Amino acid sequence: MQQMQWRSPTPDQPKLLYLNIGDGWKPYTQFPQYQVPDYRIPGASKGFATMQALLKRGFALLPSGEVMPKSEEEQRWEQRRSA
């Protein structure tokens, strides 16, 4: 299943669109095959245009409040940070 979710990379950063196409959650910017240019509106969410396009392609949008399993990359980063 192809999924999308808005999440914040760190608590002090704005939310960004993340995608899961079967190999874990990654920012939408790591998927050029799905990425659509962002709107040029001050304060607009990064990835909003991509989200709209992917909804039309059948991606599921998960609520931001749902807990997502962390990718292996995120787990390694947290381990290095806490060491």
Protein backbone atom coordinates (compact mmCIF):
# COMPACT_ATOMS: atom_id res chain seq x y z
CA MET A 1 0.00 0.00 0.00
CA GLN A 2 1.21 3.49 -0.80
CA GLN A 3 0.79 5.88 2.12
CA MET A 4 1.36 9.55 2.97
CA GLN A 5 1.51 11.34 6.29
CA TRP A 6 2.42 14.80 7.53
CA ARG A 7 5.14 14.69 10.15
CA SER A 8 7.70 16.97 11.66
CA PRO A 9 11.35 15.91 11.27
CA THR A 10 12.02 17.54 14.66
CA PRO A 11 9.63 19.12 17.17
CA ASP A 12 10.72 22.64 16.23
CA GLN A 13 10.28 22.24 12.46
CA PRO A 14 7.09 22.54 10.39
CA LYS A 15 5.43 19.38 9.16
CA LEU A 16 6.60 17.88 5.89
CA LEU A 17 4.95 15.28 3.68
CA TYR A 18 6.39 11.78 4.17
CA LEU A 19 5.73 8.80 1.89
CA ASN A 20 5.82 5.06 2.45
CA ILE A 21 5.85 3.00 -0.72
CA GLY A 22 6.86 -0.21 1.03
CA ASP A 23 10.39 0.51 2.24
CA GLY A 24 9.73 2.77 5.22
CA TRP A 25 8.84 6.42 5.70
CA LYS A 26 10.89 9.03 3.86
CA PRO A 27 10.38 12.70 2.98
CA TYR A 28 8.55 13.24 -0.29
CA THR A 29 11.65 14.98 -1.66
CA GLN A 30 13.37 11.57 -1.83
CA PHE A 31 10.84 10.41 -4.44
CA PRO A 32 11.39 12.51 -7.58
CA GLN A 33 9.10 10.16 -9.51
CA TYR A 34 6.16 11.32 -7.35
CA GLN A 35 7.19 14.88 -6.49
CA VAL A 36 5.20 17.81 -7.86
CA PRO A 37 6.58 21.38 -7.66
CA ASP A 38 5.54 23.15 -4.47
CA TYR A 39 3.14 26.07 -4.63
CA ARG A 40 4.78 29.50 -4.50
CA ILE A 41 2.61 30.75 -1.68
CA PRO A 42 4.30 32.25 1.40
CA GLY A 43 3.81 29.91 4.34
CA ALA A 44 2.40 27.07 2.20
CA SER A 45 3.19 23.55 3.38
CA LYS A 46 6.04 21.85 1.58
CA GLY A 47 4.58 18.86 -0.24
CA PHE A 48 0.96 20.04 -0.42
CA ALA A 49 0.86 19.95 -4.23
CA THR A 50 2.45 16.48 -4.16
CA MET A 51 -0.14 15.30 -1.64
CA GLN A 52 -2.98 16.48 -3.88
CA ALA A 53 -1.50 14.70 -6.90
CA LEU A 54 -0.88 11.47 -4.99
CA LEU A 55 -4.42 11.39 -3.58
CA LYS A 56 -5.62 11.29 -7.19
CA ARG A 57 -3.22 8.38 -7.81
CA GLY A 58 -4.68 6.34 -4.95
CA PHE A 59 -2.22 7.00 -2.12
CA ALA A 60 -3.74 6.75 1.36
CA LEU A 61 -3.37 9.78 3.63
CA LEU A 62 -2.91 8.79 7.26
CA PRO A 63 -3.81 11.21 10.06
CA SER A 64 -0.80 13.02 11.49
CA GLY A 65 -1.61 11.79 14.98
CA GLU A 66 -1.14 8.13 14.14
CA VAL A 67 2.09 6.58 15.33
CA MET A 68 4.28 5.55 12.44
CA PRO A 69 6.92 2.87 12.58
CA LYS A 70 10.32 4.50 12.26
CA SER A 71 12.50 3.71 9.28
CA GLU A 72 15.84 1.97 9.79
CA GLU A 73 17.56 5.26 8.95
CA GLU A 74 15.64 7.09 11.70
CA GLN A 75 16.44 4.36 14.21
CA ARG A 76 20.18 4.55 13.39
CA TRP A 77 20.11 8.36 13.70
CA GLU A 78 18.46 8.17 17.12
CA GLN A 79 20.99 5.57 18.28
CA ARG A 80 23.91 7.79 17.20
CA ARG A 81 22.31 10.84 18.82
CA SER A 82 21.80 9.11 22.17
CA ALA A 83 25.31 7.57 22.25
